C-alpha cells in the first residue's frame, strides 16, 4: 500500500468505533504532551511509555510494552516489510492493530475483539 492509498482509506478519530482504541488514539498517541521525541515511531513509543508508566523493550524497528491494559507491539514503517505487518495483523494474539502508515501498533488485550484500523 502506498501513502496515497493509505490516506484515502484511513479514518480519523471520528471513525473509531472501539472505546479502547479511541482513548488510546486521543489520550495517549495524539495528546498535546511536551517533550515528545521527533519521529512518529519514537514519539508513539514515548507516549505509550508515559501513558502506562512502563519502559519499552526495543529492538531494530520495533518496541514492545506490557502493562495492565495488555501488551503493545510498535513497528516502525510496517509497510517496508509488508509480509511481516500482514502476519502481525492476521495473528490471533493481537486483538487490535492500528496502521498509521509510518508506524503500526498491535494490542493484545483479552477484552477486545479482533479488529484492524487504518488511521491518520
PDB file of N, CA and C in Angstrom:
ATOM      1  N   UNK A   1       0.851  -1.164   0.000  1.00  0.00           N
ATOM      2  CA  UNK A   1       0.000   0.000   0.000  1.00  0.00           C
ATOM      3  C   UNK A   1       0.903   1.235   0.000  1.00  0.00           C
ATOM      4  N   UNK A   2       0.605   2.184  -0.837  1.00  0.00           N
ATOM      5  CA  UNK A   2       1.382   3.416  -0.838  1.00  0.00           C
ATOM      6  C   UNK A   2       0.692   4.466   0.034  1.00  0.00           C
ATOM      7  N   UNK A   3       1.366   5.591   0.247  1.00  0.00           N
ATOM      8  CA  UNK A   3       0.863   6.619   1.164  1.00  0.00           C
ATOM      9  C   UNK A   3      -0.487   7.187   0.719  1.00  0.00           C
ATOM     10  N   UNK A   4      -0.689   7.385  -0.579  1.00  0.00           N
ATOM     11  CA  UNK A   4      -1.949   7.919  -1.077  1.00  0.00           C
ATOM     12  C   UNK A   4      -3.097   6.941  -0.827  1.00  0.00           C
ATOM     13  N   UNK A   5      -2.888   5.671  -1.118  1.00  0.00           N
ATOM     14  CA  UNK A   5      -3.920   4.660  -0.852  1.00  0.00           C
ATOM     15  C   UNK A   5      -4.258   4.617   0.635  1.00  0.00           C
ATOM     16  N   UNK A   6      -3.224   4.689   1.460  1.00  0.00           N
ATOM     17  CA  UNK A   6      -3.445   4.682   2.905  1.00  0.00           C
ATOM     18  C   UNK A   6      -4.271   5.890   3.326  1.00  0.00           C
ATOM     19  N   UNK A   7      -3.922   7.064   2.835  1.00  0.00           N
ATOM     20  CA  UNK A   7      -4.629   8.284   3.192  1.00  0.00           C
ATOM     21  C   UNK A   7      -6.104   8.213   2.800  1.00  0.00           C
ATOM     22  N   UNK A   8      -6.390   7.676   1.618  1.00  0.00           N
ATOM     23  CA  UNK A   8      -7.767   7.599   1.148  1.00  0.00           C
ATOM     24  C   UNK A   8      -8.608   6.607   1.949  1.00  0.00           C
ATOM     25  N   UNK A   9      -7.979   5.572   2.484  1.00  0.00           N
ATOM     26  CA  UNK A   9      -8.700   4.552   3.264  1.00  0.00           C
ATOM     27  C   UNK A   9      -8.739   4.867   4.752  1.00  0.00           C
ATOM     28  N   UNK A  10      -7.840   5.730   5.220  1.00  0.00           N
ATOM     29  CA  UNK A  10      -7.667   5.959   6.656  1.00  0.00           C
ATOM     30  C   UNK A  10      -8.821   6.760   7.249  1.00  0.00           C
ATOM     31  N   UNK A  11      -9.091   6.470   8.498  1.00  0.00           N
ATOM     32  CA  UNK A  11     -10.112   7.168   9.266  1.00  0.00           C
ATOM     33  C   UNK A  11      -9.435   8.092  10.274  1.00  0.00           C
ATOM     34  N   UNK A  12     -10.175   9.094  10.717  1.00  0.00           N
ATOM     35  CA  UNK A  12      -9.709   9.952  11.802  1.00  0.00           C
ATOM     36  C   UNK A  12     -10.294   9.410  13.098  1.00  0.00           C
ATOM     37  N   UNK A  13     -10.113  10.136  14.176  1.00  0.00           N
ATOM     38  CA  UNK A  13     -10.632   9.664  15.459  1.00  0.00           C
ATOM     39  C   UNK A  13     -12.160   9.535  15.444  1.00  0.00           C
ATOM     40  N   UNK A  14     -12.820  10.232  14.543  1.00  0.00           N
ATOM     41  CA  UNK A  14     -14.277  10.186  14.490  1.00  0.00           C
ATOM     42  C   UNK A  14     -14.788   8.889  13.853  1.00  0.00           C
ATOM     43  N   UNK A  15     -13.927   8.128  13.210  1.00  0.00           N
ATOM     44  CA  UNK A  15     -14.329   6.859  12.610  1.00  0.00           C
ATOM     45  C   UNK A  15     -13.975   5.649  13.450  1.00  0.00           C
ATOM     46  N   UNK A  16     -13.455   5.874  14.654  1.00  0.00           N
ATOM     47  CA  UNK A  16     -13.064   4.767  15.532  1.00  0.00           C
ATOM     48  C   UNK A  16     -14.254   4.366  16.382  1.00  0.00           C
ATOM     49  N   UNK A  17     -14.679   3.117  16.275  1.00  0.00           N
ATOM     50  CA  UNK A  17     -15.852   2.654  17.000  1.00  0.00           C
ATOM     51  C   UNK A  17     -15.501   1.858  18.258  1.00  0.00           C
ATOM     52  N   UNK A  18     -14.245   1.609  18.518  1.00  0.00           N
ATOM     53  CA  UNK A  18     -13.818   0.893  19.716  1.00  0.00           C
ATOM     54  C   UNK A  18     -13.451   1.904  20.804  1.00  0.00           C
ATOM     55  N   UNK A  19     -14.104   1.861  21.971  1.00  0.00           N
ATOM     56  CA  UNK A  19     -13.765   2.815  23.036  1.00  0.00           C
ATOM     57  C   UNK A  19     -12.300   2.723  23.474  1.00  0.00           C
ATOM     58  N   UNK A  20     -11.746   1.521  23.553  1.00  0.00           N
ATOM     59  CA  UNK A  20     -10.346   1.362  23.947  1.00  0.00           C
ATOM     60  C   UNK A  20      -9.419   2.034  22.939  1.00  0.00           C
ATOM     61  N   UNK A  21      -9.633   1.771  21.661  1.00  0.00           N
ATOM     62  CA  UNK A  21      -8.781   2.344  20.617  1.00  0.00           C
ATOM     63  C   UNK A  21      -8.983   3.861  20.536  1.00  0.00           C
ATOM     64  N   UNK A  22     -10.205   4.328  20.707  1.00  0.00           N
ATOM     65  CA  UNK A  22     -10.469   5.766  20.693  1.00  0.00           C
ATOM     66  C   UNK A  22      -9.682   6.468  21.801  1.00  0.00           C
ATOM     67  N   UNK A  23      -9.731   5.924  23.018  1.00  0.00           N
ATOM     68  CA  UNK A  23      -8.997   6.534  24.130  1.00  0.00           C
ATOM     69  C   UNK A  23      -7.487   6.424  23.928  1.00  0.00           C
ATOM     70  N   UNK A  24      -7.026   5.314  23.389  1.00  0.00           N
ATOM     71  CA  UNK A  24      -5.610   5.161  23.085  1.00  0.00           C
ATOM     72  C   UNK A  24      -5.181   6.228  22.074  1.00  0.00           C
ATOM     73  N   UNK A  25      -5.990   6.422  21.045  1.00  0.00           N
ATOM     74  CA  UNK A  25      -5.698   7.405  19.989  1.00  0.00           C
ATOM     75  C   UNK A  25      -5.708   8.830  20.539  1.00  0.00           C
ATOM     76  N   UNK A  26      -6.769   9.199  21.258  1.00  0.00           N
ATOM     77  CA  UNK A  26      -6.938  10.590  21.674  1.00  0.00           C
ATOM     78  C   UNK A  26      -6.138  10.950  22.925  1.00  0.00           C
ATOM     79  N   UNK A  27      -6.021  10.040  23.885  1.00  0.00           N
ATOM     80  CA  UNK A  27      -5.382  10.379  25.157  1.00  0.00           C
ATOM     81  C   UNK A  27      -3.901  10.006  25.206  1.00  0.00           C
ATOM     82  N   UNK A  28      -3.504   8.968  24.499  1.00  0.00           N
ATOM     83  CA  UNK A  28      -2.110   8.534  24.576  1.00  0.00           C
ATOM     84  C   UNK A  28      -1.310   8.957  23.350  1.00  0.00           C
ATOM     85  N   UNK A  29      -1.780   8.637  22.172  1.00  0.00           N
ATOM     86  CA  UNK A  29      -0.969   8.842  20.974  1.00  0.00           C
ATOM     87  C   UNK A  29      -0.958  10.272  20.465  1.00  0.00           C
ATOM     88  N   UNK A  30      -2.079  10.965  20.557  1.00  0.00           N
ATOM     89  CA  UNK A  30      -2.137  12.290  19.964  1.00  0.00           C
ATOM     90  C   UNK A  30      -2.566  13.366  20.949  1.00  0.00           C
ATOM     91  N   UNK A  31      -2.207  13.189  22.218  1.00  0.00           N
ATOM     92  CA  UNK A  31      -2.432  14.240  23.198  1.00  0.00           C
ATOM     93  C   UNK A  31      -1.340  15.297  23.015  1.00  0.00           C
ATOM     94  N   UNK A  32      -1.537  16.437  23.574  1.00  0.00           N
ATOM     95  CA  UNK A  32      -0.584  17.537  23.402  1.00  0.00           C
ATOM     96  C   UNK A  32       0.406  17.562  24.558  1.00  0.00           C
ATOM     97  N   UNK A  33       1.243  16.541  24.631  1.00  0.00           N
ATOM     98  CA  UNK A  33       2.262  16.463  25.681  1.00  0.00           C
ATOM     99  C   UNK A  33       3.548  17.113  25.195  1.00  0.00           C
ATOM    100  N   UNK A  34       4.243  17.750  26.103  1.00  0.00           N
ATOM    101  CA  UNK A  34       5.518  18.352  25.725  1.00  0.00           C
ATOM    102  C   UNK A  34       6.635  17.332  25.899  1.00  0.00           C
ATOM    103  N   UNK A  35       7.723  17.558  25.219  1.00  0.00           N
ATOM    104  CA  UNK A  35       8.877  16.678  25.341  1.00  0.00           C
ATOM    105  C   UNK A  35       8.826  15.431  24.491  1.00  0.00           C
ATOM    106  N   UNK A  36       7.921  15.384  23.526  1.00  0.00           N
ATOM    107  CA  UNK A  36       7.786  14.201  22.679  1.00  0.00           C
ATOM    108  C   UNK A  36       8.945  14.143  21.691  1.00  0.00           C
ATOM    109  N   UNK A  37       9.628  12.997  21.580  1.00  0.00           N
ATOM    110  CA  UNK A  37      10.745  12.895  20.634  1.00  0.00           C
ATOM    111  C   UNK A  37      10.283  13.046  19.190  1.00  0.00           C
ATOM    112  N   UNK A  38      11.198  13.467  18.349  1.00  0.00           N
ATOM    113  CA  UNK A  38      10.901  13.584  16.928  1.00  0.00           C
ATOM    114  C   UNK A  38      10.737  12.184  16.332  1.00  0.00           C
ATOM    115  N   UNK A  39       9.995  12.104  15.256  1.00  0.00           N
ATOM    116  CA  UNK A  39       9.769  10.821  14.602  1.00  0.00           C
ATOM    117  C   UNK A  39       8.499  10.178  15.111  1.00  0.00           C
ATOM    118  N   UNK A  40       7.706   9.702  14.214  1.00  0.00           N
ATOM    119  CA  UNK A  40       6.404   9.154  14.594  1.00  0.00           C
ATOM    120  C   UNK A  40       6.546   7.874  15.405  1.00  0.00           C
ATOM    121  N   UNK A  41       7.475   6.994  15.034  1.00  0.00           N
ATOM    122  CA  UNK A  41       7.682   5.756  15.778  1.00  0.00           C
ATOM    123  C   UNK A  41       8.187   6.058  17.185  1.00  0.00           C
ATOM    124  N   UNK A  42       9.245   6.857  17.278  1.00  0.00           N
ATOM    125  CA  UNK A  42       9.810   7.197  18.593  1.00  0.00           C
ATOM    126  C   UNK A  42       8.792   7.949  19.446  1.00  0.00           C
ATOM    127  N   UNK A  43       8.032   8.838  18.823  1.00  0.00           N
ATOM    128  CA  UNK A  43       7.002   9.569  19.550  1.00  0.00           C
ATOM    129  C   UNK A  43       5.917   8.657  20.082  1.00  0.00           C
ATOM    130  N   UNK A  44       5.494   7.685  19.274  1.00  0.00           N
ATOM    131  CA  UNK A  44       4.454   6.745  19.708  1.00  0.00           C
ATOM    132  C   UNK A  44       4.949   5.895  20.875  1.00  0.00           C
ATOM    133  N   UNK A  45       6.182   5.419  20.790  1.00  0.00           N
ATOM    134  CA  UNK A  45       6.743   4.612  21.879  1.00  0.00           C
ATOM    135  C   UNK A  45       6.852   5.457  23.141  1.00  0.00           C
ATOM    136  N   UNK A  46       7.356   6.679  23.010  1.00  0.00           N
ATOM    137  CA  UNK A  46       7.497   7.578  24.156  1.00  0.00           C
ATOM    138  C   UNK A  46       6.140   7.837  24.811  1.00  0.00           C
ATOM    139  N   UNK A  47       5.127   8.102  23.988  1.00  0.00           N
ATOM    140  CA  UNK A  47       3.795   8.396  24.533  1.00  0.00           C
ATOM    141  C   UNK A  47       3.200   7.184  25.248  1.00  0.00           C
ATOM    142  N   UNK A  48       3.372   5.983  24.693  1.00  0.00           N
ATOM    143  CA  UNK A  48       2.873   4.781  25.353  1.00  0.00           C
ATOM    144  C   UNK A  48       3.609   4.535  26.673  1.00  0.00           C
ATOM    145  N   UNK A  49       4.920   4.752  26.670  1.00  0.00           N
ATOM    146  CA  UNK A  49       5.692   4.585  27.902  1.00  0.00           C
ATOM    147  C   UNK A  49       5.193   5.520  28.996  1.00  0.00           C
ATOM    148  N   UNK A  50       4.944   6.774  28.626  1.00  0.00           N
ATOM    149  CA  UNK A  50       4.497   7.736  29.624  1.00  0.00           C
ATOM    150  C   UNK A  50       3.038   7.547  30.013  1.00  0.00           C
ATOM    151  N   UNK A  51       2.232   7.097  29.120  1.00  0.00           N
ATOM    152  CA  UNK A  51       0.815   6.847  29.424  1.00  0.00           C
ATOM    153  C   UNK A  51       0.664   5.700  30.416  1.00  0.00           C
ATOM    154  N   UNK A  52       1.433   4.622  30.211  1.00  0.00           N
ATOM    155  CA  UNK A  52       1.277   3.425  31.040  1.00  0.00           C
ATOM    156  C   UNK A  52       2.360   3.269  32.100  1.00  0.00           C
ATOM    157  N   UNK A  53       3.351   4.147  32.124  1.00  0.00           N
ATOM    158  CA  UNK A  53       4.366   4.118  33.160  1.00  0.00           C
ATOM    159  C   UNK A  53       5.298   2.921  33.098  1.00  0.00           C
ATOM    160  N   UNK A  54       5.556   2.407  31.916  1.00  0.00           N
ATOM    161  CA  UNK A  54       6.470   1.277  31.746  1.00  0.00           C
ATOM    162  C   UNK A  54       7.493   1.618  30.677  1.00  0.00           C
ATOM    163  N   UNK A  55       8.629   0.939  30.712  1.00  0.00           N
ATOM    164  CA  UNK A  55       9.649   1.113  29.689  1.00  0.00           C
ATOM    165  C   UNK A  55       9.456   0.079  28.590  1.00  0.00           C
ATOM    166  N   UNK A  56       9.695   0.490  27.372  1.00  0.00           N
ATOM    167  CA  UNK A  56       9.567  -0.408  26.227  1.00  0.00           C
ATOM    168  C   UNK A  56      10.853  -1.197  26.055  1.00  0.00           C
ATOM    169  N   UNK A  57      10.696  -2.422  25.618  1.00  0.00           N
ATOM    170  CA  UNK A  57      11.826  -3.249  25.213  1.00  0.00           C
ATOM    171  C   UNK A  57      11.997  -3.026  23.721  1.00  0.00           C
ATOM    172  N   UNK A  58      13.161  -2.546  23.309  1.00  0.00           N
ATOM    173  CA  UNK A  58      13.366  -2.151  21.915  1.00  0.00           C
ATOM    174  C   UNK A  58      14.343  -3.071  21.204  1.00  0.00           C
ATOM    175  N   UNK A  59      14.049  -3.301  19.943  1.00  0.00           N
ATOM    176  CA  UNK A  59      14.983  -3.960  19.039  1.00  0.00           C
ATOM    177  C   UNK A  59      14.891  -3.211  17.716  1.00  0.00           C
ATOM    178  N   UNK A  60      15.558  -3.669  16.706  1.00  0.00           N
ATOM    179  CA  UNK A  60      15.616  -2.975  15.417  1.00  0.00           C
ATOM    180  C   UNK A  60      14.221  -2.776  14.816  1.00  0.00           C
ATOM    181  N   UNK A  61      13.733  -1.546  14.832  1.00  0.00           N
ATOM    182  CA  UNK A  61      12.471  -1.214  14.184  1.00  0.00           C
ATOM    183  C   UNK A  61      11.220  -1.645  14.911  1.00  0.00           C
ATOM    184  N   UNK A  62      11.341  -2.065  16.169  1.00  0.00           N
ATOM    185  CA  UNK A  62      10.140  -2.434  16.918  1.00  0.00           C
ATOM    186  C   UNK A  62      10.360  -2.221  18.408  1.00  0.00           C
ATOM    187  N   UNK A  63       9.249  -2.083  19.114  1.00  0.00           N
ATOM    188  CA  UNK A  63       9.276  -1.926  20.564  1.00  0.00           C
ATOM    189  C   UNK A  63       8.092  -2.675  21.141  1.00  0.00           C
ATOM    190  N   UNK A  64       8.256  -3.267  22.312  1.00  0.00           N
ATOM    191  CA  UNK A  64       7.171  -3.964  22.993  1.00  0.00           C
ATOM    192  C   UNK A  64       7.020  -3.398  24.400  1.00  0.00           C
ATOM    193  N   UNK A  65       5.774  -3.308  24.846  1.00  0.00           N
ATOM    194  CA  UNK A  65       5.454  -2.844  26.184  1.00  0.00           C
ATOM    195  C   UNK A  65       4.408  -3.768  26.775  1.00  0.00           C
ATOM    196  N   UNK A  66       4.467  -3.986  28.068  1.00  0.00           N
ATOM    197  CA  UNK A  66       3.435  -4.751  28.775  1.00  0.00           C
ATOM    198  C   UNK A  66       2.970  -3.935  29.966  1.00  0.00           C
ATOM    199  N   UNK A  67       1.647  -3.882  30.147  1.00  0.00           N
ATOM    200  CA  UNK A  67       1.068  -3.127  31.253  1.00  0.00           C
ATOM    201  C   UNK A  67      -0.264  -3.764  31.630  1.00  0.00           C
ATOM    202  N   UNK A  68      -1.030  -3.099  32.482  1.00  0.00           N
ATOM    203  CA  UNK A  68      -2.330  -3.625  32.914  1.00  0.00           C
ATOM    204  C   UNK A  68      -3.329  -3.724  31.778  1.00  0.00           C
ATOM    205  N   UNK A  69      -3.204  -2.877  30.768  1.00  0.00           N
ATOM    206  CA  UNK A  69      -4.123  -2.889  29.627  1.00  0.00           C
ATOM    207  C   UNK A  69      -3.729  -3.894  28.562  1.00  0.00           C
ATOM    208  N   UNK A  70      -2.683  -4.683  28.809  1.00  0.00           N
ATOM    209  CA  UNK A  70      -2.262  -5.693  27.849  1.00  0.00           C
ATOM    210  C   UNK A  70      -0.855  -5.443  27.352  1.00  0.00           C
ATOM    211  N   UNK A  71      -0.556  -6.000  26.200  1.00  0.00           N
ATOM    212  CA  UNK A  71       0.759  -5.849  25.581  1.00  0.00           C
ATOM    213  C   UNK A  71       0.625  -5.042  24.300  1.00  0.00           C
ATOM    214  N   UNK A  72       1.671  -4.294  23.988  1.00  0.00           N
ATOM    215  CA  UNK A  72       1.712  -3.476  22.782  1.00  0.00           C
ATOM    216  C   UNK A  72       2.960  -3.819  21.988  1.00  0.00           C
ATOM    217  N   UNK A  73       2.812  -3.916  20.690  1.00  0.00           N
ATOM    218  CA  UNK A  73       3.928  -4.066  19.768  1.00  0.00           C
ATOM    219  C   UNK A  73       3.867  -2.871  18.833  1.00  0.00           C
ATOM    220  N   UNK A  74       4.938  -2.096  18.782  1.00  0.00           N
ATOM    221  CA  UNK A  74       5.001  -0.923  17.915  1.00  0.00           C
ATOM    222  C   UNK A  74       6.055  -1.200  16.847  1.00  0.00           C
ATOM    223  N   UNK A  75       5.656  -1.116  15.590  1.00  0.00           N
ATOM    224  CA  UNK A  75       6.570  -1.366  14.472  1.00  0.00           C
ATOM    225  C   UNK A  75       6.830  -0.066  13.713  1.00  0.00           C
ATOM    226  N   UNK A  76       8.091   0.168  13.403  1.00  0.00           N
ATOM    227  CA  UNK A  76       8.481   1.330  12.621  1.00  0.00           C
ATOM    228  C   UNK A  76       8.329   1.001  11.131  1.00  0.00           C
ATOM    229  N   UNK A  77       7.643   1.836  10.403  1.00  0.00           N
ATOM    230  CA  UNK A  77       7.411   1.665   8.964  1.00  0.00           C
ATOM    231  C   UNK A  77       6.980   0.232   8.626  1.00  0.00           C
ATOM    232  N   UNK A  78       5.789  -0.169   9.050  1.00  0.00           N
ATOM    233  CA  UNK A  78       5.351  -1.552   8.842  1.00  0.00           C
ATOM    234  C   UNK A  78       5.201  -1.941   7.376  1.00  0.00           C
ATOM    235  N   UNK A  79       5.020  -0.974   6.486  1.00  0.00           N
ATOM    236  CA  UNK A  79       4.815  -1.308   5.072  1.00  0.00           C
ATOM    237  C   UNK A  79       6.115  -1.533   4.315  1.00  0.00           C
ATOM    238  N   UNK A  80       7.258  -1.318   4.965  1.00  0.00           N
ATOM    239  CA  UNK A  80       8.535  -1.667   4.332  1.00  0.00           C
ATOM    240  C   UNK A  80       8.667  -3.174   4.192  1.00  0.00           C
ATOM    241  N   UNK A  81       8.162  -3.885   5.179  1.00  0.00           N
ATOM    242  CA  UNK A  81       8.126  -5.345   5.122  1.00  0.00           C
ATOM    243  C   UNK A  81       6.661  -5.747   5.260  1.00  0.00           C
ATOM    244  N   UNK A  82       5.958  -5.640   4.151  1.00  0.00           N
ATOM    245  CA  UNK A  82       4.505  -5.858   4.140  1.00  0.00           C
ATOM    246  C   UNK A  82       4.122  -7.239   4.668  1.00  0.00           C
ATOM    247  N   UNK A  83       4.920  -8.254   4.352  1.00  0.00           N
ATOM    248  CA  UNK A  83       4.584  -9.616   4.803  1.00  0.00           C
ATOM    249  C   UNK A  83       4.655  -9.713   6.328  1.00  0.00           C
ATOM    250  N   UNK A  84       5.621  -9.049   6.951  1.00  0.00           N
ATOM    251  CA  UNK A  84       5.728  -9.048   8.431  1.00  0.00           C
ATOM    252  C   UNK A  84       4.513  -8.373   9.037  1.00  0.00           C
ATOM    253  N   UNK A  85       4.119  -7.225   8.506  1.00  0.00           N
ATOM    254  CA  UNK A  85       2.962  -6.495   9.035  1.00  0.00           C
ATOM    255  C   UNK A  85       1.682  -7.306   8.854  1.00  0.00           C
ATOM    256  N   UNK A  86       1.496  -7.911   7.691  1.00  0.00           N
ATOM    257  CA  UNK A  86       0.299  -8.714   7.453  1.00  0.00           C
ATOM    258  C   UNK A  86       0.257  -9.928   8.373  1.00  0.00           C
ATOM    259  N   UNK A  87       1.412 -10.489   8.725  1.00  0.00           N
ATOM    260  CA  UNK A  87       1.466 -11.604   9.675  1.00  0.00           C
ATOM    261  C   UNK A  87       1.032 -11.144  11.066  1.00  0.00           C
ATOM    262  N   UNK A  88       1.440  -9.950  11.461  1.00  0.00           N
ATOM    263  CA  UNK A  88       1.019  -9.401  12.754  1.00  0.00           C
ATOM    264  C   UNK A  88      -0.485  -9.150  12.755  1.00  0.00           C
ATOM    265  N   UNK A  89      -0.999  -8.564  11.677  1.00  0.00           N
ATOM    266  CA  UNK A  89      -2.437  -8.280  11.581  1.00  0.00           C
ATOM    267  C   UNK A  89      -3.246  -9.570  11.633  1.00  0.00           C
ATOM    268  N   UNK A  90      -2.773 -10.630  10.996  1.00  0.00           N
ATOM    269  CA  UNK A  90      -3.504 -11.900  10.947  1.00  0.00           C
ATOM    270  C   UNK A  90      -3.340 -12.730  12.216  1.00  0.00           C
ATOM    271  N   UNK A  91      -2.315 -12.485  12.999  1.00  0.00           N
ATOM    272  CA  UNK A  91      -2.044 -13.272  14.205  1.00  0.00           C
ATOM    273  C   UNK A  91      -3.175 -13.092  15.224  1.00  0.00           C
ATOM    274  N   UNK A  92      -3.804 -14.181  15.675  1.00  0.00           N
ATOM    275  CA  UNK A  92      -4.912 -14.056  16.622  1.00  0.00           C
ATOM    276  C   UNK A  92      -4.496 -13.516  17.994  1.00  0.00           C
ATOM    277  N   UNK A  93      -3.211 -13.531  18.309  1.00  0.00           N
ATOM    278  CA  UNK A  93      -2.740 -12.979  19.585  1.00  0.00           C
ATOM    279  C   UNK A  93      -3.036 -11.489  19.658  1.00  0.00           C
ATOM    280  N   UNK A  94      -2.861 -10.784  18.550  1.00  0.00           N
ATOM    281  CA  UNK A  94      -3.041  -9.337  18.529  1.00  0.00           C
ATOM    282  C   UNK A  94      -4.495  -9.015  18.222  1.00  0.00           C
ATOM    283  N   UNK A  95      -5.204  -8.512  19.212  1.00  0.00           N
ATOM    284  CA  UNK A  95      -6.646  -8.264  19.086  1.00  0.00           C
ATOM    285  C   UNK A  95      -6.955  -7.016  18.270  1.00  0.00           C
ATOM    286  N   UNK A  96      -6.180  -5.971  18.442  1.00  0.00           N
ATOM    287  CA  UNK A  96      -6.398  -4.734  17.681  1.00  0.00           C
ATOM    288  C   UNK A  96      -5.083  -4.334  17.029  1.00  0.00           C
ATOM    289  N   UNK A  97      -5.147  -3.985  15.762  1.00  0.00           N
ATOM    290  CA  UNK A  97      -3.970  -3.479  15.059  1.00  0.00           C
ATOM    291  C   UNK A  97      -4.315  -2.103  14.493  1.00  0.00           C
ATOM    292  N   UNK A  98      -3.400  -1.172  14.675  1.00  0.00           N
ATOM    293  CA  UNK A  98      -3.598   0.201  14.240  1.00  0.00           C
ATOM    294  C   UNK A  98      -2.508   0.535  13.235  1.00  0.00           C
ATOM    295  N   UNK A  99      -2.902   0.861  12.030  1.00  0.00           N
ATOM    296  CA  UNK A  99      -1.975   1.154  10.943  1.00  0.00           C
ATOM    297  C   UNK A  99      -1.977   2.657  10.685  1.00  0.00           C
ATOM    298  N   UNK A 100      -0.864   3.327  11.029  1.00  0.00           N
ATOM    299  CA  UNK A 100      -0.705   4.759  10.796  1.00  0.00           C
ATOM    300  C   UNK A 100       0.224   5.038   9.626  1.00  0.00           C
ATOM    301  N   UNK A 101       0.526   4.050   8.835  1.00  0.00           N
ATOM    302  CA  UNK A 101       1.435   4.045   7.697  1.00  0.00           C
ATOM    303  C   UNK A 101       2.889   4.191   8.127  1.00  0.00           C
ATOM    304  N   UNK A 102       3.252   5.240   8.874  1.00  0.00           N
ATOM    305  CA  UNK A 102       4.633   5.420   9.314  1.00  0.00           C
ATOM    306  C   UNK A 102       4.996   4.508  10.480  1.00  0.00           C
ATOM    307  N   UNK A 103       4.004   4.090  11.229  1.00  0.00           N
ATOM    308  CA  UNK A 103       4.205   3.133  12.302  1.00  0.00           C
ATOM    309  C   UNK A 103       2.915   2.341  12.496  1.00  0.00           C
ATOM    310  N   UNK A 104       3.048   1.180  13.091  1.00  0.00           N
ATOM    311  CA  UNK A 104       1.894   0.332  13.367  1.00  0.00           C
ATOM    312  C   UNK A 104       1.922  -0.114  14.810  1.00  0.00           C
ATOM    313  N   UNK A 105       0.751  -0.292  15.390  1.00  0.00           N
ATOM    314  CA  UNK A 105       0.641  -0.742  16.773  1.00  0.00           C
ATOM    315  C   UNK A 105      -0.273  -1.954  16.813  1.00  0.00           C
ATOM    316  N   UNK A 106       0.177  -2.994  17.492  1.00  0.00           N
ATOM    317  CA  UNK A 106      -0.643  -4.177  17.730  1.00  0.00           C
ATOM    318  C   UNK A 106      -0.893  -4.268  19.229  1.00  0.00           C
ATOM    319  N   UNK A 107      -2.140  -4.573  19.598  1.00  0.00           N
ATOM    320  CA  UNK A 107      -2.533  -4.604  21.003  1.00  0.00           C
ATOM    321  C   UNK A 107      -3.049  -5.991  21.348  1.00  0.00           C
ATOM    322  N   UNK A 108      -2.517  -6.549  22.428  1.00  0.00           N
ATOM    323  CA  UNK A 108      -3.017  -7.814  22.972  1.00  0.00           C
ATOM    324  C   UNK A 108      -3.748  -7.490  24.265  1.00  0.00           C
ATOM    325  N   UNK A 109      -5.065  -7.450  24.188  1.00  0.00           N
ATOM    326  CA  UNK A 109      -5.907  -7.171  25.342  1.00  0.00           C
ATOM    327  C   UNK A 109      -7.065  -8.156  25.291  1.00  0.00           C
ATOM    328  N   UNK A 110      -7.240  -8.998  26.324  1.00  0.00           N
ATOM    329  CA  UNK A 110      -8.279 -10.033  26.267  1.00  0.00           C
ATOM    330  C   UNK A 110      -9.703  -9.488  26.191  1.00  0.00           C
ATOM    331  N   UNK A 111      -9.894  -8.216  26.497  1.00  0.00           N
ATOM    332  CA  UNK A 111     -11.233  -7.625  26.474  1.00  0.00           C
ATOM    333  C   UNK A 111     -11.629  -7.089  25.097  1.00  0.00           C
ATOM    334  N   UNK A 112     -10.726  -7.157  24.141  1.00  0.00           N
ATOM    335  CA  UNK A 112     -11.005  -6.643  22.796  1.00  0.00           C
ATOM    336  C   UNK A 112     -11.340  -7.782  21.848  1.00  0.00           C
ATOM    337  N   UNK A 113     -12.118  -7.464  20.821  1.00  0.00           N
ATOM    338  CA  UNK A 113     -12.338  -8.417  19.733  1.00  0.00           C
ATOM    339  C   UNK A 113     -11.363  -8.067  18.606  1.00  0.00           C
ATOM    340  N   UNK A 114     -11.134  -9.014  17.723  1.00  0.00           N
ATOM    341  CA  UNK A 114     -10.164  -8.835  16.640  1.00  0.00           C
ATOM    342  C   UNK A 114     -10.637  -7.728  15.697  1.00  0.00           C
ATOM    343  N   UNK A 115      -9.817  -6.659  15.557  1.00  0.00           N
ATOM    344  CA  UNK A 115     -10.146  -5.539  14.690  1.00  0.00           C
ATOM    345  C   UNK A 115      -8.869  -4.950  14.106  1.00  0.00           C
ATOM    346  N   UNK A 116      -8.974  -4.403  12.907  1.00  0.00           N
ATOM    347  CA  UNK A 116      -7.846  -3.726  12.249  1.00  0.00           C
ATOM    348  C   UNK A 116      -8.309  -2.327  11.880  1.00  0.00           C
ATOM    349  N   UNK A 117      -7.518  -1.340  12.245  1.00  0.00           N
ATOM    350  CA  UNK A 117      -7.848   0.048  11.985  1.00  0.00           C
ATOM    351  C   UNK A 117      -6.775   0.680  11.110  1.00  0.00           C
ATOM    352  N   UNK A 118      -7.188   1.390  10.077  1.00  0.00           N
ATOM    353  CA  UNK A 118      -6.292   2.192   9.253  1.00  0.00           C
ATOM    354  C   UNK A 118      -6.600   3.631   9.616  1.00  0.00           C
ATOM    355  N   UNK A 119      -5.603   4.302  10.225  1.00  0.00           N
ATOM    356  CA  UNK A 119      -5.843   5.618  10.818  1.00  0.00           C
ATOM    357  C   UNK A 119      -4.856   6.653  10.312  1.00  0.00           C
ATOM    358  N   UNK A 120      -5.252   7.907  10.417  1.00  0.00           N
ATOM    359  CA  UNK A 120      -4.385   9.046  10.076  1.00  0.00           C
ATOM    360  C   UNK A 120      -3.709   9.539  11.320  1.00  0.00           C
TER     361      UNK A 120
END
